[in-house]
Amino acid sequence: MSDSTLNLPSTPHARVILLSGPSGSGKSSLAERAGVPVLQLDDFYKDGDDPTLPELPEGGTDWDSPLSWHRDQALAAIRALVVTGRAEIPVYSIPANGRTGTRTLELHGAAAFVAEGIFAAELAGPCADEGLLGVAICLRNKPSTTAWRRFRRDVREGRKSVPYLLRRGWRLMRTERGIVAGQVALGAYACAGPEAERNIRALADRRPAPAPAAA
């Protein structure tokens, strides 16, 4: 695959752009710049008191495991957006470790929308199988760059305590290349931000075909 523009599919319906990458890689800011509707997959985290949450070997919840996330609910929301153009989405507070409400996301006729989150690549196979997928992208940076961005964001937003953020950040920085490789194995295409933005805009510019006239 070239480093220019992906061979994006032409489709008469809205399609999902799955945007994955390590925590702090710039997924949210890229999705906002692209000017398309955004489904934030972090809203599908499990509540902090869910007994099925995975644990780290040293203790505490492993929020970087896909087992900490409602995969089937996220897929159902993507399916609803592609088929109907709207979906009810949970609103999740990371500092509060739980859902605080719901909201309605509408596409308003957009040809594509971004579903972004660290687990987005987990949905590449199911979305492709169901004909929902436009493209799956994994953002790739230098691990040190990602770590610094992640730490600044998490401190600014008060996501967790600073000692927790430092421990998590060091662990993620050491494993970042493996995280990217794993997301590529799931079907995502790894690239840097500028190339990812070009490909998102290319798919978003493909307008849906008009609905057929009534007989």
N, C-alpha and C. Protein backbone atom coordinates (compact mmCIF):
# COMPACT_ATOMS: atom_id res chain seq x y z
N MET A 1 0.85 -1.20 0.00
CA MET A 1 0.00 0.00 0.00
C MET A 1 0.88 1.24 0.00
N SER A 2 0.55 2.22 -0.81
CA SER A 2 1.39 3.41 -0.94
C SER A 2 1.22 4.33 0.24
N ASP A 3 2.13 5.30 0.36
CA ASP A 3 2.06 6.28 1.43
C ASP A 3 1.32 7.54 0.99
N SER A 4 0.61 7.49 -0.13
CA SER A 4 -0.11 8.69 -0.58
C SER A 4 -1.55 8.62 -0.10
N THR A 5 -2.45 8.10 -0.93
CA THR A 5 -3.86 8.02 -0.56
C THR A 5 -4.34 6.60 -0.73
N LEU A 6 -5.08 6.10 0.25
CA LEU A 6 -5.61 4.76 0.17
C LEU A 6 -6.60 4.64 -0.98
N ASN A 7 -6.75 3.43 -1.51
CA ASN A 7 -7.75 3.17 -2.53
C ASN A 7 -9.09 3.00 -1.83
N LEU A 8 -9.75 4.13 -1.56
CA LEU A 8 -10.97 4.13 -0.76
C LEU A 8 -12.17 3.65 -1.57
N PRO A 9 -13.09 2.94 -0.92
CA PRO A 9 -14.22 2.40 -1.65
C PRO A 9 -15.24 3.46 -2.01
N SER A 10 -15.84 3.32 -3.16
CA SER A 10 -16.96 4.17 -3.55
C SER A 10 -18.24 3.48 -3.08
N THR A 11 -19.11 4.20 -2.38
CA THR A 11 -20.27 3.57 -1.76
C THR A 11 -21.45 4.52 -1.76
N PRO A 12 -22.66 3.99 -1.92
CA PRO A 12 -23.83 4.85 -1.92
C PRO A 12 -24.35 5.20 -0.52
N HIS A 13 -23.72 4.67 0.50
CA HIS A 13 -24.21 4.89 1.86
C HIS A 13 -23.08 5.45 2.73
N ALA A 14 -23.47 5.94 3.92
CA ALA A 14 -22.45 6.38 4.88
C ALA A 14 -21.61 5.19 5.31
N ARG A 15 -20.35 5.42 5.55
CA ARG A 15 -19.45 4.37 6.02
C ARG A 15 -18.68 4.88 7.23
N VAL A 16 -18.20 3.95 8.03
CA VAL A 16 -17.44 4.31 9.21
C VAL A 16 -15.95 4.33 8.90
N ILE A 17 -15.27 5.34 9.41
CA ILE A 17 -13.81 5.42 9.37
C ILE A 17 -13.34 5.08 10.78
N LEU A 18 -12.75 3.92 10.95
CA LEU A 18 -12.24 3.51 12.26
C LEU A 18 -10.86 4.11 12.46
N LEU A 19 -10.72 4.93 13.50
CA LEU A 19 -9.46 5.63 13.76
C LEU A 19 -8.91 5.14 15.10
N SER A 20 -7.90 4.30 15.02
CA SER A 20 -7.28 3.74 16.22
C SER A 20 -5.89 4.32 16.40
N GLY A 21 -5.17 3.79 17.36
CA GLY A 21 -3.84 4.26 17.67
C GLY A 21 -3.65 4.26 19.18
N PRO A 22 -2.41 4.27 19.65
CA PRO A 22 -2.17 4.30 21.09
C PRO A 22 -2.78 5.52 21.75
N SER A 23 -3.06 5.43 23.01
CA SER A 23 -3.58 6.57 23.77
C SER A 23 -2.60 7.74 23.67
N GLY A 24 -3.11 8.90 23.26
CA GLY A 24 -2.26 10.08 23.12
C GLY A 24 -1.70 10.27 21.73
N SER A 25 -2.09 9.45 20.77
CA SER A 25 -1.53 9.55 19.42
C SER A 25 -2.14 10.67 18.59
N GLY A 26 -3.21 11.30 19.08
CA GLY A 26 -3.80 12.43 18.37
C GLY A 26 -5.09 12.11 17.65
N LYS A 27 -5.76 11.03 18.03
CA LYS A 27 -6.98 10.61 17.34
C LYS A 27 -8.09 11.65 17.45
N SER A 28 -8.35 12.14 18.65
CA SER A 28 -9.47 13.07 18.85
C SER A 28 -9.26 14.38 18.11
N SER A 29 -8.06 14.94 18.19
CA SER A 29 -7.80 16.21 17.51
C SER A 29 -7.86 16.04 16.00
N LEU A 30 -7.38 14.91 15.49
CA LEU A 30 -7.45 14.66 14.05
C LEU A 30 -8.91 14.53 13.60
N ALA A 31 -9.71 13.80 14.37
CA ALA A 31 -11.12 13.64 14.01
C ALA A 31 -11.84 14.99 13.99
N GLU A 32 -11.52 15.86 14.93
CA GLU A 32 -12.15 17.19 14.95
C GLU A 32 -11.74 18.01 13.73
N ARG A 33 -10.47 17.95 13.35
CA ARG A 33 -9.99 18.72 12.19
C ARG A 33 -10.61 18.24 10.89
N ALA A 34 -10.94 16.97 10.83
CA ALA A 34 -11.43 16.39 9.57
C ALA A 34 -12.82 16.91 9.19
N GLY A 35 -13.55 17.46 10.14
CA GLY A 35 -14.83 18.06 9.83
C GLY A 35 -15.94 17.08 9.51
N VAL A 36 -15.89 15.88 10.08
CA VAL A 36 -16.94 14.88 9.89
C VAL A 36 -17.53 14.53 11.25
N PRO A 37 -18.75 13.94 11.29
CA PRO A 37 -19.29 13.51 12.57
C PRO A 37 -18.35 12.51 13.25
N VAL A 38 -18.30 12.56 14.59
CA VAL A 38 -17.36 11.72 15.34
C VAL A 38 -18.10 10.93 16.40
N LEU A 39 -17.86 9.63 16.41
CA LEU A 39 -18.32 8.74 17.47
C LEU A 39 -17.12 8.44 18.35
N GLN A 40 -17.18 8.86 19.61
CA GLN A 40 -16.07 8.65 20.54
C GLN A 40 -16.25 7.30 21.23
N LEU A 41 -15.39 6.35 20.87
CA LEU A 41 -15.55 5.00 21.37
C LEU A 41 -15.20 4.86 22.85
N ASP A 42 -14.51 5.86 23.42
CA ASP A 42 -14.25 5.83 24.86
C ASP A 42 -15.55 5.85 25.67
N ASP A 43 -16.64 6.32 25.06
CA ASP A 43 -17.91 6.36 25.76
C ASP A 43 -18.48 4.97 26.01
N PHE A 44 -17.86 3.95 25.43
CA PHE A 44 -18.33 2.59 25.62
C PHE A 44 -17.49 1.81 26.63
N TYR A 45 -16.66 2.52 27.41
CA TYR A 45 -15.98 1.85 28.52
C TYR A 45 -16.99 1.30 29.51
N LYS A 46 -16.58 0.24 30.21
CA LYS A 46 -17.41 -0.29 31.29
C LYS A 46 -17.31 0.62 32.51
N ASP A 47 -18.35 0.64 33.33
CA ASP A 47 -18.31 1.40 34.57
C ASP A 47 -17.25 0.83 35.50
N GLY A 48 -16.71 1.70 36.35
CA GLY A 48 -15.62 1.30 37.22
C GLY A 48 -15.95 0.21 38.21
N ASP A 49 -17.23 -0.03 38.49
CA ASP A 49 -17.62 -1.09 39.42
C ASP A 49 -18.08 -2.36 38.71
N ASP A 50 -17.86 -2.43 37.40
CA ASP A 50 -18.25 -3.63 36.64
C ASP A 50 -17.36 -4.80 37.06
N PRO A 51 -17.94 -5.92 37.49
CA PRO A 51 -17.12 -7.04 37.98
C PRO A 51 -16.33 -7.74 36.88
N THR A 52 -16.62 -7.47 35.61
CA THR A 52 -15.90 -8.12 34.51
C THR A 52 -14.67 -7.34 34.06
N LEU A 53 -14.36 -6.22 34.71
CA LEU A 53 -13.20 -5.43 34.32
C LEU A 53 -11.91 -6.24 34.51
N PRO A 54 -10.98 -6.16 33.53
CA PRO A 54 -9.71 -6.88 33.66
C PRO A 54 -8.77 -6.19 34.66
N GLU A 55 -7.89 -6.97 35.25
CA GLU A 55 -6.96 -6.44 36.25
C GLU A 55 -5.52 -6.50 35.73
N LEU A 56 -4.72 -5.51 36.13
CA LEU A 56 -3.29 -5.52 35.85
C LEU A 56 -2.59 -6.51 36.79
N PRO A 57 -1.47 -7.07 36.38
CA PRO A 57 -0.73 -8.00 37.27
C PRO A 57 -0.35 -7.36 38.60
N GLU A 58 -0.03 -6.06 38.57
CA GLU A 58 0.37 -5.38 39.81
C GLU A 58 -0.82 -4.83 40.58
N GLY A 59 -2.04 -5.07 40.08
CA GLY A 59 -3.23 -4.58 40.76
C GLY A 59 -3.82 -3.37 40.06
N GLY A 60 -5.12 -3.18 40.19
CA GLY A 60 -5.80 -2.07 39.54
C GLY A 60 -6.37 -2.49 38.20
N THR A 61 -7.29 -1.70 37.69
CA THR A 61 -7.97 -2.01 36.44
C THR A 61 -7.07 -1.76 35.23
N ASP A 62 -7.11 -2.67 34.29
CA ASP A 62 -6.37 -2.51 33.04
C ASP A 62 -7.28 -1.85 32.01
N TRP A 63 -7.29 -0.50 32.00
CA TRP A 63 -8.13 0.24 31.08
C TRP A 63 -7.63 0.20 29.65
N ASP A 64 -6.46 -0.38 29.41
CA ASP A 64 -5.92 -0.50 28.07
C ASP A 64 -6.22 -1.86 27.45
N SER A 65 -6.97 -2.68 28.15
CA SER A 65 -7.40 -3.97 27.61
C SER A 65 -8.77 -3.81 26.96
N PRO A 66 -9.00 -4.42 25.79
CA PRO A 66 -10.33 -4.35 25.18
C PRO A 66 -11.42 -5.01 26.04
N LEU A 67 -11.03 -5.77 27.04
CA LEU A 67 -12.01 -6.36 27.96
C LEU A 67 -12.61 -5.31 28.89
N SER A 68 -12.06 -4.09 28.89
CA SER A 68 -12.60 -3.01 29.73
C SER A 68 -13.67 -2.21 28.97
N TRP A 69 -14.11 -2.72 27.86
CA TRP A 69 -14.90 -1.95 26.89
C TRP A 69 -16.05 -2.78 26.38
N HIS A 70 -17.21 -2.12 26.11
CA HIS A 70 -18.39 -2.80 25.57
C HIS A 70 -18.31 -2.85 24.05
N ARG A 71 -17.62 -3.83 23.52
CA ARG A 71 -17.39 -3.96 22.08
C ARG A 71 -18.70 -4.08 21.31
N ASP A 72 -19.60 -4.94 21.78
CA ASP A 72 -20.85 -5.18 21.04
C ASP A 72 -21.73 -3.93 21.01
N GLN A 73 -21.72 -3.15 22.09
CA GLN A 73 -22.51 -1.92 22.10
C GLN A 73 -21.94 -0.89 21.12
N ALA A 74 -20.63 -0.82 21.04
CA ALA A 74 -20.00 0.10 20.09
C ALA A 74 -20.33 -0.31 18.65
N LEU A 75 -20.27 -1.59 18.36
CA LEU A 75 -20.60 -2.07 17.03
C LEU A 75 -22.06 -1.78 16.69
N ALA A 76 -22.95 -1.96 17.66
CA ALA A 76 -24.37 -1.68 17.43
C ALA A 76 -24.59 -0.20 17.11
N ALA A 77 -23.87 0.68 17.78
CA ALA A 77 -24.00 2.11 17.50
C ALA A 77 -23.52 2.45 16.10
N ILE A 78 -22.41 1.85 15.68
CA ILE A 78 -21.90 2.08 14.33
C ILE A 78 -22.92 1.57 13.31
N ARG A 79 -23.46 0.41 13.56
CA ARG A 79 -24.45 -0.16 12.65
C ARG A 79 -25.66 0.77 12.52
N ALA A 80 -26.14 1.30 13.65
CA ALA A 80 -27.29 2.20 13.62
C ALA A 80 -26.97 3.48 12.84
N LEU A 81 -25.77 4.01 13.01
CA LEU A 81 -25.40 5.23 12.29
C LEU A 81 -25.33 5.00 10.79
N VAL A 82 -24.77 3.86 10.38
CA VAL A 82 -24.68 3.57 8.96
C VAL A 82 -26.06 3.35 8.35
N VAL A 83 -26.92 2.62 9.06
CA VAL A 83 -28.22 2.23 8.51
C VAL A 83 -29.25 3.36 8.61
N THR A 84 -29.28 4.06 9.75
CA THR A 84 -30.33 5.05 9.99
C THR A 84 -29.83 6.48 10.04
N GLY A 85 -28.52 6.68 10.20
CA GLY A 85 -27.98 8.03 10.29
C GLY A 85 -28.04 8.64 11.67
N ARG A 86 -28.46 7.87 12.67
CA ARG A 86 -28.50 8.39 14.05
C ARG A 86 -28.38 7.24 15.04
N ALA A 87 -27.91 7.56 16.24
CA ALA A 87 -27.78 6.55 17.29
C ALA A 87 -27.75 7.23 18.65
N GLU A 88 -28.24 6.53 19.65
CA GLU A 88 -28.13 6.98 21.03
C GLU A 88 -26.81 6.49 21.60
N ILE A 89 -26.02 7.42 22.12
CA ILE A 89 -24.66 7.14 22.55
C ILE A 89 -24.53 7.42 24.05
N PRO A 90 -23.88 6.53 24.81
CA PRO A 90 -23.63 6.86 26.21
C PRO A 90 -22.62 8.00 26.35
N VAL A 91 -22.72 8.73 27.44
CA VAL A 91 -21.74 9.76 27.78
C VAL A 91 -20.96 9.24 28.98
N TYR A 92 -19.65 9.06 28.80
CA TYR A 92 -18.81 8.45 29.83
C TYR A 92 -17.85 9.48 30.42
N SER A 93 -17.72 9.49 31.73
CA SER A 93 -16.76 10.37 32.41
C SER A 93 -15.60 9.52 32.91
N ILE A 94 -14.41 9.75 32.35
CA ILE A 94 -13.24 8.99 32.80
C ILE A 94 -12.89 9.30 34.25
N PRO A 95 -12.86 10.59 34.67
CA PRO A 95 -12.58 10.84 36.09
C PRO A 95 -13.60 10.20 37.04
N ALA A 96 -14.87 10.11 36.60
CA ALA A 96 -15.91 9.52 37.44
C ALA A 96 -16.01 8.01 37.29
N ASN A 97 -15.27 7.43 36.35
CA ASN A 97 -15.27 5.98 36.11
C ASN A 97 -16.66 5.44 35.79
N GLY A 98 -17.44 6.18 35.01
CA GLY A 98 -18.76 5.66 34.69
C GLY A 98 -19.54 6.56 33.75
N ARG A 99 -20.67 6.03 33.31
CA ARG A 99 -21.56 6.78 32.42
C ARG A 99 -22.36 7.80 33.21
N THR A 100 -22.55 8.96 32.57
CA THR A 100 -23.29 10.04 33.23
C THR A 100 -24.56 10.41 32.47
N GLY A 101 -24.84 9.74 31.36
CA GLY A 101 -26.05 10.05 30.60
C GLY A 101 -25.95 9.49 29.20
N THR A 102 -26.79 10.02 28.30
CA THR A 102 -26.76 9.62 26.90
C THR A 102 -26.92 10.86 26.03
N ARG A 103 -26.61 10.71 24.75
CA ARG A 103 -26.80 11.78 23.79
C ARG A 103 -27.14 11.16 22.44
N THR A 104 -27.71 11.95 21.56
CA THR A 104 -28.04 11.49 20.21
C THR A 104 -27.00 12.01 19.24
N LEU A 105 -26.41 11.11 18.47
CA LEU A 105 -25.48 11.49 17.41
C LEU A 105 -26.18 11.31 16.07
N GLU A 106 -26.18 12.35 15.24
CA GLU A 106 -26.82 12.30 13.93
C GLU A 106 -25.80 12.65 12.85
N LEU A 107 -25.90 11.97 11.72
CA LEU A 107 -24.96 12.20 10.62
C LEU A 107 -25.38 13.33 9.70
N HIS A 108 -26.66 13.66 9.68
CA HIS A 108 -27.17 14.75 8.83
C HIS A 108 -26.73 14.59 7.38
N GLY A 109 -26.80 13.38 6.88
CA GLY A 109 -26.50 13.13 5.48
C GLY A 109 -25.03 13.00 5.13
N ALA A 110 -24.15 12.98 6.12
CA ALA A 110 -22.71 12.84 5.84
C ALA A 110 -22.42 11.51 5.17
N ALA A 111 -21.44 11.51 4.28
CA ALA A 111 -21.07 10.29 3.57
C ALA A 111 -20.26 9.34 4.45
N ALA A 112 -19.65 9.89 5.50
CA ALA A 112 -18.80 9.07 6.37
C ALA A 112 -18.74 9.72 7.75
N PHE A 113 -18.38 8.92 8.73
CA PHE A 113 -18.15 9.43 10.08
C PHE A 113 -16.96 8.69 10.67
N VAL A 114 -16.32 9.31 11.65
CA VAL A 114 -15.17 8.72 12.32
C VAL A 114 -15.62 8.09 13.63
N ALA A 115 -15.19 6.86 13.86
CA ALA A 115 -15.32 6.22 15.17
C ALA A 115 -13.91 6.08 15.71
N GLU A 116 -13.57 6.86 16.74
CA GLU A 116 -12.18 6.92 17.19
C GLU A 116 -12.03 6.43 18.62
N GLY A 117 -10.93 5.72 18.85
CA GLY A 117 -10.63 5.21 20.18
C GLY A 117 -9.53 4.18 20.12
N ILE A 118 -8.94 3.86 21.25
CA ILE A 118 -7.81 2.94 21.26
C ILE A 118 -8.21 1.52 20.87
N PHE A 119 -9.51 1.22 20.93
CA PHE A 119 -9.97 -0.12 20.56
C PHE A 119 -10.65 -0.16 19.19
N ALA A 120 -10.57 0.91 18.42
CA ALA A 120 -11.30 0.98 17.15
C ALA A 120 -10.94 -0.17 16.21
N ALA A 121 -9.68 -0.56 16.18
CA ALA A 121 -9.27 -1.62 15.27
C ALA A 121 -9.93 -2.96 15.60
N GLU A 122 -10.38 -3.12 16.84
CA GLU A 122 -11.08 -4.35 17.22
C GLU A 122 -12.34 -4.55 16.38
N LEU A 123 -12.86 -3.46 15.81
CA LEU A 123 -14.10 -3.52 15.04
C LEU A 123 -13.87 -3.59 13.53
N ALA A 124 -12.62 -3.60 13.10
CA ALA A 124 -12.34 -3.58 11.66
C ALA A 124 -12.91 -4.81 10.96
N GLY A 125 -12.68 -5.98 11.52
CA GLY A 125 -13.18 -7.20 10.91
C GLY A 125 -14.70 -7.26 10.86
N PRO A 126 -15.39 -7.07 12.00
CA PRO A 126 -16.86 -7.09 11.97
C PRO A 126 -17.47 -6.03 11.05
N CYS A 127 -16.89 -4.83 11.05
CA CYS A 127 -17.44 -3.77 10.18
C CYS A 127 -17.23 -4.11 8.70
N ALA A 128 -16.08 -4.69 8.38
CA ALA A 128 -15.84 -5.10 6.99
C ALA A 128 -16.80 -6.21 6.58
N ASP A 129 -17.01 -7.16 7.48
CA ASP A 129 -17.90 -8.28 7.17
C ASP A 129 -19.33 -7.83 6.92
N GLU A 130 -19.76 -6.78 7.63
CA GLU A 130 -21.13 -6.29 7.49
C GLU A 130 -21.28 -5.20 6.43
N GLY A 131 -20.19 -4.84 5.76
CA GLY A 131 -20.26 -3.81 4.74
C GLY A 131 -20.39 -2.41 5.30
N LEU A 132 -19.95 -2.20 6.55
CA LEU A 132 -20.06 -0.90 7.20
C LEU A 132 -18.79 -0.06 7.04
N LEU A 133 -17.68 -0.70 6.70
CA LEU A 133 -16.37 -0.08 6.81
C LEU A 133 -15.98 0.72 5.58
N GLY A 134 -15.52 1.97 5.82
CA GLY A 134 -14.89 2.75 4.78
C GLY A 134 -13.40 2.48 4.77
N VAL A 135 -12.75 2.70 5.90
CA VAL A 135 -11.33 2.44 6.05
C VAL A 135 -11.02 2.36 7.54
N ALA A 136 -9.98 1.61 7.88
CA ALA A 136 -9.50 1.52 9.26
C ALA A 136 -8.07 2.03 9.29
N ILE A 137 -7.83 3.03 10.13
CA ILE A 137 -6.53 3.70 10.20
C ILE A 137 -6.00 3.62 11.63
N CYS A 138 -4.70 3.40 11.75
CA CYS A 138 -4.02 3.45 13.05
C CYS A 138 -2.98 4.57 13.00
N LEU A 139 -3.12 5.55 13.88
CA LEU A 139 -2.15 6.65 13.94
C LEU A 139 -0.83 6.15 14.52
N ARG A 140 0.26 6.53 13.87
CA ARG A 140 1.58 6.07 14.29
C ARG A 140 2.49 7.28 14.48
N ASN A 141 3.12 7.36 15.66
CA ASN A 141 4.08 8.43 15.98
C ASN A 141 5.31 7.82 16.63
N LYS A 142 6.28 8.66 16.98
CA LYS A 142 7.36 8.21 17.86
C LYS A 142 6.78 7.95 19.24
N PRO A 143 7.14 6.85 19.91
CA PRO A 143 6.59 6.57 21.23
C PRO A 143 6.80 7.70 22.24
N SER A 144 7.92 8.39 22.17
CA SER A 144 8.17 9.49 23.11
C SER A 144 7.21 10.65 22.85
N THR A 145 6.90 10.91 21.57
CA THR A 145 5.95 11.97 21.23
C THR A 145 4.57 11.64 21.76
N THR A 146 4.14 10.41 21.54
CA THR A 146 2.83 9.97 22.04
C THR A 146 2.76 10.06 23.55
N ALA A 147 3.82 9.64 24.24
CA ALA A 147 3.82 9.64 25.69
C ALA A 147 3.67 11.06 26.25
N TRP A 148 4.38 12.01 25.66
CA TRP A 148 4.31 13.39 26.15
C TRP A 148 2.93 13.98 25.90
N ARG A 149 2.38 13.74 24.72
CA ARG A 149 1.03 14.23 24.43
C ARG A 149 0.01 13.63 25.40
N ARG A 150 0.13 12.35 25.64
CA ARG A 150 -0.81 11.65 26.52
C ARG A 150 -0.74 12.20 27.94
N PHE A 151 0.47 12.40 28.43
CA PHE A 151 0.62 12.87 29.81
C PHE A 151 0.06 14.28 29.97
N ARG A 152 0.35 15.17 29.04
CA ARG A 152 -0.18 16.54 29.12
C ARG A 152 -1.70 16.54 29.08
N ARG A 153 -2.28 15.75 28.16
CA ARG A 153 -3.74 15.70 28.06
C ARG A 153 -4.37 15.15 29.34
N ASP A 154 -3.83 14.05 29.86
CA ASP A 154 -4.44 13.41 31.02
C ASP A 154 -4.33 14.26 32.28
N VAL A 155 -3.22 14.99 32.42
CA VAL A 155 -3.09 15.90 33.57
C VAL A 155 -4.05 17.07 33.41
N ARG A 156 -4.11 17.63 32.20
CA ARG A 156 -5.01 18.76 31.95
C ARG A 156 -6.47 18.40 32.22
N GLU A 157 -6.87 17.20 31.84
CA GLU A 157 -8.25 16.79 32.01
C GLU A 157 -8.53 16.11 33.34
N GLY A 158 -7.50 15.95 34.17
CA GLY A 158 -7.68 15.34 35.48
C GLY A 158 -8.20 13.92 35.42
N ARG A 159 -7.70 13.16 34.45
CA ARG A 159 -8.25 11.83 34.23
C ARG A 159 -7.97 10.87 35.39
N LYS A 160 -6.73 10.87 35.86
CA LYS A 160 -6.33 10.01 36.98
C LYS A 160 -5.25 10.75 37.77
N SER A 161 -4.79 10.13 38.86
CA SER A 161 -3.73 10.74 39.65
C SER A 161 -2.42 10.75 38.86
N VAL A 162 -1.54 11.71 39.18
CA VAL A 162 -0.27 11.81 38.46
C VAL A 162 0.57 10.54 38.62
N PRO A 163 0.70 9.94 39.81
CA PRO A 163 1.48 8.69 39.91
C PRO A 163 0.92 7.59 39.00
N TYR A 164 -0.39 7.47 38.94
CA TYR A 164 -1.00 6.47 38.05
C TYR A 164 -0.66 6.77 36.60
N LEU A 165 -0.75 8.05 36.21
CA LEU A 165 -0.47 8.43 34.83
C LEU A 165 0.98 8.17 34.45
N LEU A 166 1.89 8.40 35.39
CA LEU A 166 3.30 8.14 35.10
C LEU A 166 3.56 6.65 34.92
N ARG A 167 2.98 5.82 35.78
CA ARG A 167 3.18 4.37 35.66
C ARG A 167 2.58 3.86 34.35
N ARG A 168 1.36 4.30 34.05
CA ARG A 168 0.71 3.87 32.82
C ARG A 168 1.47 4.36 31.59
N GLY A 169 1.92 5.63 31.66
CA GLY A 169 2.63 6.20 30.52
C GLY A 169 3.91 5.47 30.20
N TRP A 170 4.66 5.10 31.23
CA TRP A 170 5.91 4.37 31.02
C TRP A 170 5.63 3.00 30.41
N ARG A 171 4.58 2.33 30.90
CA ARG A 171 4.22 1.01 30.38
C ARG A 171 3.80 1.10 28.91
N LEU A 172 2.98 2.10 28.59
CA LEU A 172 2.50 2.24 27.22
C LEU A 172 3.61 2.65 26.26
N MET A 173 4.52 3.50 26.71
CA MET A 173 5.61 3.92 25.84
C MET A 173 6.49 2.72 25.47
N ARG A 174 6.73 1.84 26.44
CA ARG A 174 7.57 0.67 26.16
C ARG A 174 6.90 -0.32 25.22
N THR A 175 5.59 -0.34 25.21
CA THR A 175 4.85 -1.33 24.41
C THR A 175 4.20 -0.72 23.16
N GLU A 176 4.46 0.57 22.87
CA GLU A 176 3.72 1.24 21.80
C GLU A 176 3.88 0.57 20.45
N ARG A 177 5.08 0.18 20.09
CA ARG A 177 5.27 -0.44 18.77
C ARG A 177 4.48 -1.74 18.66
N GLY A 178 4.40 -2.48 19.76
CA GLY A 178 3.60 -3.70 19.76
C GLY A 178 2.12 -3.40 19.66
N ILE A 179 1.67 -2.29 20.28
CA ILE A 179 0.27 -1.88 20.18
C ILE A 179 -0.10 -1.58 18.74
N VAL A 180 0.76 -0.83 18.06
CA VAL A 180 0.51 -0.48 16.66
C VAL A 180 0.49 -1.75 15.81
N ALA A 181 1.45 -2.64 16.02
CA ALA A 181 1.50 -3.88 15.25
C ALA A 181 0.24 -4.71 15.45
N GLY A 182 -0.26 -4.72 16.68
CA GLY A 182 -1.48 -5.47 16.95
C GLY A 182 -2.68 -4.89 16.24
N GLN A 183 -2.76 -3.56 16.16
CA GLN A 183 -3.88 -2.93 15.47
C GLN A 183 -3.79 -3.13 13.96
N VAL A 184 -2.57 -3.16 13.43
CA VAL A 184 -2.39 -3.47 12.01
C VAL A 184 -2.84 -4.90 11.74
N ALA A 185 -2.51 -5.82 12.64
CA ALA A 185 -2.92 -7.22 12.46
C ALA A 185 -4.44 -7.37 12.46
N LEU A 186 -5.13 -6.44 13.13
CA LEU A 186 -6.59 -6.49 13.16
C LEU A 186 -7.23 -5.88 11.91
N GLY A 187 -6.41 -5.26 11.06
CA GLY A 187 -6.93 -4.73 9.80
C GLY A 187 -6.78 -3.24 9.60
N ALA A 188 -6.08 -2.55 10.52
CA ALA A 188 -5.88 -1.10 10.38
C ALA A 188 -4.63 -0.81 9.56
N TYR A 189 -4.64 0.34 8.90
CA TYR A 189 -3.50 0.81 8.12
C TYR A 189 -2.76 1.86 8.95
N ALA A 190 -1.48 1.64 9.26
CA ALA A 190 -0.71 2.54 10.12
C ALA A 190 -0.09 3.66 9.31
N CYS A 191 -0.28 4.89 9.77
CA CYS A 191 0.31 6.05 9.11
C CYS A 191 0.35 7.22 10.08
N ALA A 192 1.04 8.27 9.70
CA ALA A 192 1.12 9.47 10.52
C ALA A 192 -0.10 10.35 10.28
N GLY A 193 -0.24 11.38 11.12
CA GLY A 193 -1.42 12.23 11.08
C GLY A 193 -1.76 12.86 9.75
N PRO A 194 -0.80 13.50 9.05
CA PRO A 194 -1.14 14.15 7.78
C PRO A 194 -1.72 13.19 6.74
N GLU A 195 -1.13 12.01 6.62
CA GLU A 195 -1.66 11.04 5.67
C GLU A 195 -3.03 10.55 6.10
N ALA A 196 -3.21 10.32 7.40
CA ALA A 196 -4.51 9.88 7.89
C ALA A 196 -5.58 10.92 7.59
N GLU A 197 -5.25 12.20 7.78
CA GLU A 197 -6.24 13.25 7.52
C GLU A 197 -6.60 13.30 6.04
N ARG A 198 -5.64 13.13 5.15
CA ARG A 198 -5.94 13.13 3.72
C ARG A 198 -6.92 12.01 3.37
N ASN A 199 -6.69 10.84 3.95
CA ASN A 199 -7.54 9.71 3.62
C ASN A 199 -8.93 9.83 4.22
N ILE A 200 -9.04 10.43 5.40
CA ILE A 200 -10.36 10.67 5.99
C ILE A 200 -11.14 11.65 5.12
N ARG A 201 -10.48 12.72 4.70
CA ARG A 201 -11.17 13.71 3.87
C ARG A 201 -11.57 13.12 2.51
N ALA A 202 -10.72 12.23 1.97
CA ALA A 202 -11.04 11.61 0.69
C ALA A 202 -12.31 10.79 0.77
N LEU A 203 -12.47 10.04 1.84
CA LEU A 203 -13.67 9.23 2.01
C LEU A 203 -14.87 10.11 2.34
N ALA A 204 -14.68 11.12 3.17
CA ALA A 204 -15.79 11.99 3.56
C ALA A 204 -16.33 12.79 2.37
N ASP A 205 -15.50 13.04 1.36
CA ASP A 205 -15.94 13.81 0.19
C ASP A 205 -16.80 13.01 -0.77
N ARG A 206 -16.88 11.71 -0.57
CA ARG A 206 -17.69 10.87 -1.46
C ARG A 206 -19.13 10.92 -0.96
N ARG A 207 -19.96 11.70 -1.61
CA ARG A 207 -21.33 11.92 -1.14
C ARG A 207 -22.20 10.70 -1.36
N PRO A 208 -23.15 10.44 -0.46
CA PRO A 208 -24.07 9.32 -0.68
C PRO A 208 -24.93 9.55 -1.91
N ALA A 209 -25.31 8.45 -2.56
CA ALA A 209 -26.23 8.56 -3.71
C ALA A 209 -27.60 8.98 -3.21
N PRO A 210 -28.36 9.74 -4.01
CA PRO A 210 -29.70 10.14 -3.58
C PRO A 210 -30.61 8.93 -3.43
N ALA A 211 -31.57 9.03 -2.54
CA ALA A 211 -32.53 7.95 -2.35
C ALA A 211 -33.35 7.76 -3.60
N PRO A 212 -33.67 6.51 -3.94
CA PRO A 212 -34.46 6.28 -5.16
C PRO A 212 -35.84 6.89 -5.04
N ALA A 213 -36.36 7.35 -6.16
CA ALA A 213 -37.70 7.96 -6.16
C ALA A 213 -38.75 6.90 -5.90
N ALA A 214 -39.82 7.31 -5.24
CA ALA A 214 -40.90 6.38 -4.95
C ALA A 214 -41.56 5.95 -6.25
N ALA A 215 -41.97 4.70 -6.30
CA ALA A 215 -42.61 4.16 -7.50
C ALA A 215 -43.99 4.81 -7.70
